[in-house]
Amino acid sequence: MNIEQVLSPSPELVAELSNLFHAFTISRLPDLPPESEDKIFMVTARSESGVLQGGILANCYWDGLEIETLWVDSQQRGQGLGSILLENAEAFGIRHGAVISFLKTMEAKAFYESCGYEVYGVLEDRPIGTLLYHMKKRLIKAVST
């Protein structure tokens, strides 16, 4: 067997690995929706003059809502805009079948906790000297079977 490290892999090599991994995943979870059904979306807030004041980039897939980026302009922080954006994204997620929301943060742990998120994992030293919090929030109560 030949083991190699490939810097800047070609799109074909990335596709080959991704396709094989996807086939394995589907063999274990045959009803899993395809990535083409992912719902990547943004929630934005702009000033009356059109300047971006805050926004969220998120992806709704596999019964979950992944908050990838949440940013609020420094002059708008502490005024509730982040919570409004987050609530809007969560409502979109619920409408599209998400039962849980999840994210990663280094600096906004307290903010997310105030919005109902809880830590389910901590990664130290990425980057060195920091803590990366993995957080989640149940959007829909689990159904008993």
C-alpha atoms as a PDB file:
ATOM      1  CA  MET A   1       0.000   0.000   0.000  1.00  0.00           C
ATOM      2  CA  ASN A   2       1.283   3.451  -0.901  1.00  0.00           C
ATOM      3  CA  ILE A   3       0.509   6.249   1.595  1.00  0.00           C
ATOM      4  CA  GLU A   4       0.972   9.829   0.420  1.00  0.00           C
ATOM      5  CA  GLN A   5       0.145  13.345   1.515  1.00  0.00           C
ATOM      6  CA  VAL A   6      -1.383  15.415  -1.280  1.00  0.00           C
ATOM      7  CA  LEU A   7      -1.112  19.185  -1.075  1.00  0.00           C
ATOM      8  CA  SER A   8      -3.742  21.037  -3.103  1.00  0.00           C
ATOM      9  CA  PRO A   9      -5.627  17.897  -4.183  1.00  0.00           C
ATOM     10  CA  SER A  10      -7.309  18.018  -7.558  1.00  0.00           C
ATOM     11  CA  PRO A  11     -11.086  18.407  -7.759  1.00  0.00           C
ATOM     12  CA  GLU A  12     -11.220  14.871  -9.173  1.00  0.00           C
ATOM     13  CA  LEU A  13      -9.380  13.413  -6.178  1.00  0.00           C
ATOM     14  CA  VAL A  14     -11.614  15.320  -3.753  1.00  0.00           C
ATOM     15  CA  ALA A  15     -14.698  14.099  -5.639  1.00  0.00           C
ATOM     16  CA  GLU A  16     -13.451  10.496  -5.605  1.00  0.00           C
ATOM     17  CA  LEU A  17     -12.988  10.502  -1.821  1.00  0.00           C
ATOM     18  CA  SER A  18     -16.243  12.388  -1.233  1.00  0.00           C
ATOM     19  CA  ASN A  19     -18.216   9.987  -3.432  1.00  0.00           C
ATOM     20  CA  LEU A  20     -16.812   6.915  -1.684  1.00  0.00           C
ATOM     21  CA  PHE A  21     -17.550   8.395   1.742  1.00  0.00           C
ATOM     22  CA  HIS A  22     -21.072   9.344   0.636  1.00  0.00           C
ATOM     23  CA  ALA A  23     -21.689   5.787  -0.633  1.00  0.00           C
ATOM     24  CA  PHE A  24     -20.587   4.413   2.747  1.00  0.00           C
ATOM     25  CA  THR A  25     -22.827   6.865   4.612  1.00  0.00           C
ATOM     26  CA  ILE A  26     -25.837   5.970   2.467  1.00  0.00           C
ATOM     27  CA  SER A  27     -25.158   2.271   3.042  1.00  0.00           C
ATOM     28  CA  ARG A  28     -25.609   2.952   6.786  1.00  0.00           C
ATOM     29  CA  LEU A  29     -28.351   5.610   6.538  1.00  0.00           C
ATOM     30  CA  PRO A  30     -30.242   4.872   3.300  1.00  0.00           C
ATOM     31  CA  ASP A  31     -32.964   7.493   3.920  1.00  0.00           C
ATOM     32  CA  LEU A  32     -30.492  10.339   4.409  1.00  0.00           C
ATOM     33  CA  PRO A  33     -31.350  13.270   2.126  1.00  0.00           C
ATOM     34  CA  PRO A  34     -28.714  14.105  -0.499  1.00  0.00           C
ATOM     35  CA  GLU A  35     -26.509  17.177  -0.118  1.00  0.00           C
ATOM     36  CA  SER A  36     -28.408  18.740  -3.019  1.00  0.00           C
ATOM     37  CA  GLU A  37     -31.293  19.197  -0.549  1.00  0.00           C
ATOM     38  CA  ASP A  38     -29.151  21.263   1.862  1.00  0.00           C
ATOM     39  CA  LYS A  39     -30.649  24.705   2.420  1.00  0.00           C
ATOM     40  CA  ILE A  40     -27.803  27.193   2.684  1.00  0.00           C
ATOM     41  CA  PHE A  41     -29.201  30.595   3.635  1.00  0.00           C
ATOM     42  CA  MET A  42     -28.418  33.943   5.200  1.00  0.00           C
ATOM     43  CA  VAL A  43     -30.275  36.246   7.541  1.00  0.00           C
ATOM     44  CA  THR A  44     -29.081  39.842   7.259  1.00  0.00           C
ATOM     45  CA  ALA A  45     -29.755  43.211   8.863  1.00  0.00           C
ATOM     46  CA  ARG A  46     -28.941  46.424   7.014  1.00  0.00           C
ATOM     47  CA  SER A  47     -29.146  50.057   7.993  1.00  0.00           C
ATOM     48  CA  GLU A  48     -31.571  52.318   6.138  1.00  0.00           C
ATOM     49  CA  SER A  49     -28.637  53.352   3.926  1.00  0.00           C
ATOM     50  CA  GLY A  50     -27.961  49.693   3.048  1.00  0.00           C
ATOM     51  CA  VAL A  51     -24.863  49.070   5.192  1.00  0.00           C
ATOM     52  CA  LEU A  52     -24.656  45.531   6.562  1.00  0.00           C
ATOM     53  CA  GLN A  53     -25.101  45.675  10.351  1.00  0.00           C
ATOM     54  CA  GLY A  54     -25.203  41.947  11.046  1.00  0.00           C
ATOM     55  CA  GLY A  55     -25.798  38.581   9.508  1.00  0.00           C
ATOM     56  CA  ILE A  56     -25.885  34.835   9.785  1.00  0.00           C
ATOM     57  CA  LEU A  57     -24.728  32.248   7.275  1.00  0.00           C
ATOM     58  CA  ALA A  58     -26.337  28.889   8.022  1.00  0.00           C
ATOM     59  CA  ASN A  59     -27.121  25.497   6.523  1.00  0.00           C
ATOM     60  CA  CYS A  60     -30.228  23.459   7.215  1.00  0.00           C
ATOM     61  CA  TYR A  61     -29.638  19.749   6.530  1.00  0.00           C
ATOM     62  CA  TRP A  62     -30.056  16.254   7.996  1.00  0.00           C
ATOM     63  CA  ASP A  63     -32.688  17.439  10.516  1.00  0.00           C
ATOM     64  CA  GLY A  64     -30.321  20.079  11.883  1.00  0.00           C
ATOM     65  CA  LEU A  65     -29.451  23.751  11.587  1.00  0.00           C
ATOM     66  CA  GLU A  66     -25.753  24.595  11.451  1.00  0.00           C
ATOM     67  CA  ILE A  67     -24.922  28.200  12.283  1.00  0.00           C
ATOM     68  CA  GLU A  68     -21.697  28.694  10.346  1.00  0.00           C
ATOM     69  CA  THR A  69     -21.169  32.442  10.840  1.00  0.00           C
ATOM     70  CA  LEU A  70     -22.873  35.059  13.003  1.00  0.00           C
ATOM     71  CA  TRP A  71     -21.517  38.605  12.900  1.00  0.00           C
ATOM     72  CA  VAL A  72     -22.857  41.867  14.333  1.00  0.00           C
ATOM     73  CA  ASP A  73     -21.229  45.270  13.800  1.00  0.00           C
ATOM     74  CA  SER A  74     -19.457  46.436  16.957  1.00  0.00           C
ATOM     75  CA  GLN A  75     -21.748  49.472  17.289  1.00  0.00           C
ATOM     76  CA  GLN A  76     -24.826  47.224  17.214  1.00  0.00           C
ATOM     77  CA  ARG A  77     -23.617  44.666  19.760  1.00  0.00           C
ATOM     78  CA  GLY A  78     -25.493  44.454  23.032  1.00  0.00           C
ATOM     79  CA  GLN A  79     -28.689  45.843  21.518  1.00  0.00           C
ATOM     80  CA  GLY A  80     -30.412  42.537  20.704  1.00  0.00           C
ATOM     81  CA  LEU A  81     -29.609  42.316  16.997  1.00  0.00           C
ATOM     82  CA  GLY A  82     -27.679  39.044  17.343  1.00  0.00           C
ATOM     83  CA  SER A  83     -30.607  37.446  19.177  1.00  0.00           C
ATOM     84  CA  ILE A  84     -33.062  38.635  16.522  1.00  0.00           C
ATOM     85  CA  LEU A  85     -30.893  37.226  13.729  1.00  0.00           C
ATOM     86  CA  LEU A  86     -30.459  33.926  15.577  1.00  0.00           C
ATOM     87  CA  GLU A  87     -34.191  33.581  16.287  1.00  0.00           C
ATOM     88  CA  ASN A  88     -34.905  34.226  12.611  1.00  0.00           C
ATOM     89  CA  ALA A  89     -32.430  31.537  11.524  1.00  0.00           C
ATOM     90  CA  GLU A  90     -33.839  29.061  14.053  1.00  0.00           C
ATOM     91  CA  ALA A  91     -37.383  29.720  12.805  1.00  0.00           C
ATOM     92  CA  PHE A  92     -36.216  29.023   9.236  1.00  0.00           C
ATOM     93  CA  GLY A  93     -34.608  25.803  10.466  1.00  0.00           C
ATOM     94  CA  ILE A  94     -37.764  24.659  12.234  1.00  0.00           C
ATOM     95  CA  ARG A  95     -39.860  25.371   9.124  1.00  0.00           C
ATOM     96  CA  HIS A  96     -37.452  23.186   7.146  1.00  0.00           C
ATOM     97  CA  GLY A  97     -37.375  20.222   9.528  1.00  0.00           C
ATOM     98  CA  ALA A  98     -34.482  21.057  11.876  1.00  0.00           C
ATOM     99  CA  VAL A  99     -34.882  19.625  15.364  1.00  0.00           C
ATOM    100  CA  ILE A 100     -31.506  20.826  16.659  1.00  0.00           C
ATOM    101  CA  SER A 101     -29.215  23.777  16.040  1.00  0.00           C
ATOM    102  CA  PHE A 102     -25.448  23.613  16.458  1.00  0.00           C
ATOM    103  CA  LEU A 103     -22.379  25.838  16.089  1.00  0.00           C
ATOM    104  CA  LYS A 104     -18.790  26.526  17.115  1.00  0.00           C
ATOM    105  CA  THR A 105     -17.564  29.654  18.892  1.00  0.00           C
ATOM    106  CA  MET A 106     -14.481  30.946  20.684  1.00  0.00           C
ATOM    107  CA  GLU A 107     -15.679  34.307  21.984  1.00  0.00           C
ATOM    108  CA  ALA A 108     -19.477  34.273  22.100  1.00  0.00           C
ATOM    109  CA  LYS A 109     -20.162  31.393  24.508  1.00  0.00           C
ATOM    110  CA  ALA A 110     -22.074  33.600  26.986  1.00  0.00           C
ATOM    111  CA  PHE A 111     -24.184  35.112  24.201  1.00  0.00           C
ATOM    112  CA  TYR A 112     -25.198  31.698  22.876  1.00  0.00           C
ATOM    113  CA  GLU A 113     -25.915  30.425  26.395  1.00  0.00           C
ATOM    114  CA  SER A 114     -28.257  33.396  26.888  1.00  0.00           C
ATOM    115  CA  CYS A 115     -30.059  32.207  23.724  1.00  0.00           C
ATOM    116  CA  GLY A 116     -30.534  28.677  25.098  1.00  0.00           C
ATOM    117  CA  TYR A 117     -27.454  26.923  23.697  1.00  0.00           C
ATOM    118  CA  GLU A 118     -25.342  24.554  25.774  1.00  0.00           C
ATOM    119  CA  VAL A 119     -21.777  23.328  25.408  1.00  0.00           C
ATOM    120  CA  TYR A 120     -21.408  19.714  24.315  1.00  0.00           C
ATOM    121  CA  GLY A 121     -17.685  19.760  23.623  1.00  0.00           C
ATOM    122  CA  VAL A 122     -14.585  21.898  24.029  1.00  0.00           C
ATOM    123  CA  LEU A 123     -11.513  21.784  21.808  1.00  0.00           C
ATOM    124  CA  GLU A 124      -8.372  23.251  23.337  1.00  0.00           C
ATOM    125  CA  ASP A 125      -5.578  24.992  21.417  1.00  0.00           C
ATOM    126  CA  ARG A 126      -7.219  25.624  18.071  1.00  0.00           C
ATOM    127  CA  PRO A 127      -5.648  28.111  17.723  1.00  0.00           C
ATOM    128  CA  ILE A 128      -3.129  27.646  20.538  1.00  0.00           C
ATOM    129  CA  GLY A 129      -4.196  29.314  23.753  1.00  0.00           C
ATOM    130  CA  THR A 130      -7.910  29.293  22.949  1.00  0.00           C
ATOM    131  CA  LEU A 131     -10.965  27.182  23.650  1.00  0.00           C
ATOM    132  CA  LEU A 132     -13.341  26.337  20.802  1.00  0.00           C
ATOM    133  CA  TYR A 133     -16.812  25.609  22.161  1.00  0.00           C
ATOM    134  CA  HIS A 134     -19.159  23.263  20.317  1.00  0.00           C
ATOM    135  CA  MET A 135     -22.696  24.239  21.267  1.00  0.00           C
ATOM    136  CA  LYS A 136     -26.210  22.965  20.588  1.00  0.00           C
ATOM    137  CA  LYS A 137     -29.815  23.906  21.160  1.00  0.00           C
ATOM    138  CA  ARG A 138     -32.811  21.620  20.845  1.00  0.00           C
ATOM    139  CA  LEU A 139     -35.351  23.326  18.558  1.00  0.00           C
ATOM    140  CA  ILE A 140     -38.030  20.627  18.689  1.00  0.00           C
ATOM    141  CA  LYS A 141     -38.568  18.331  21.661  1.00  0.00           C
ATOM    142  CA  ALA A 142     -37.545  14.729  21.022  1.00  0.00           C
ATOM    143  CA  VAL A 143     -40.467  12.468  20.181  1.00  0.00           C
ATOM    144  CA  SER A 144     -40.758   9.349  22.343  1.00  0.00           C
ATOM    145  CA  THR A 145     -41.083   6.053  20.487  1.00  0.00           C
END
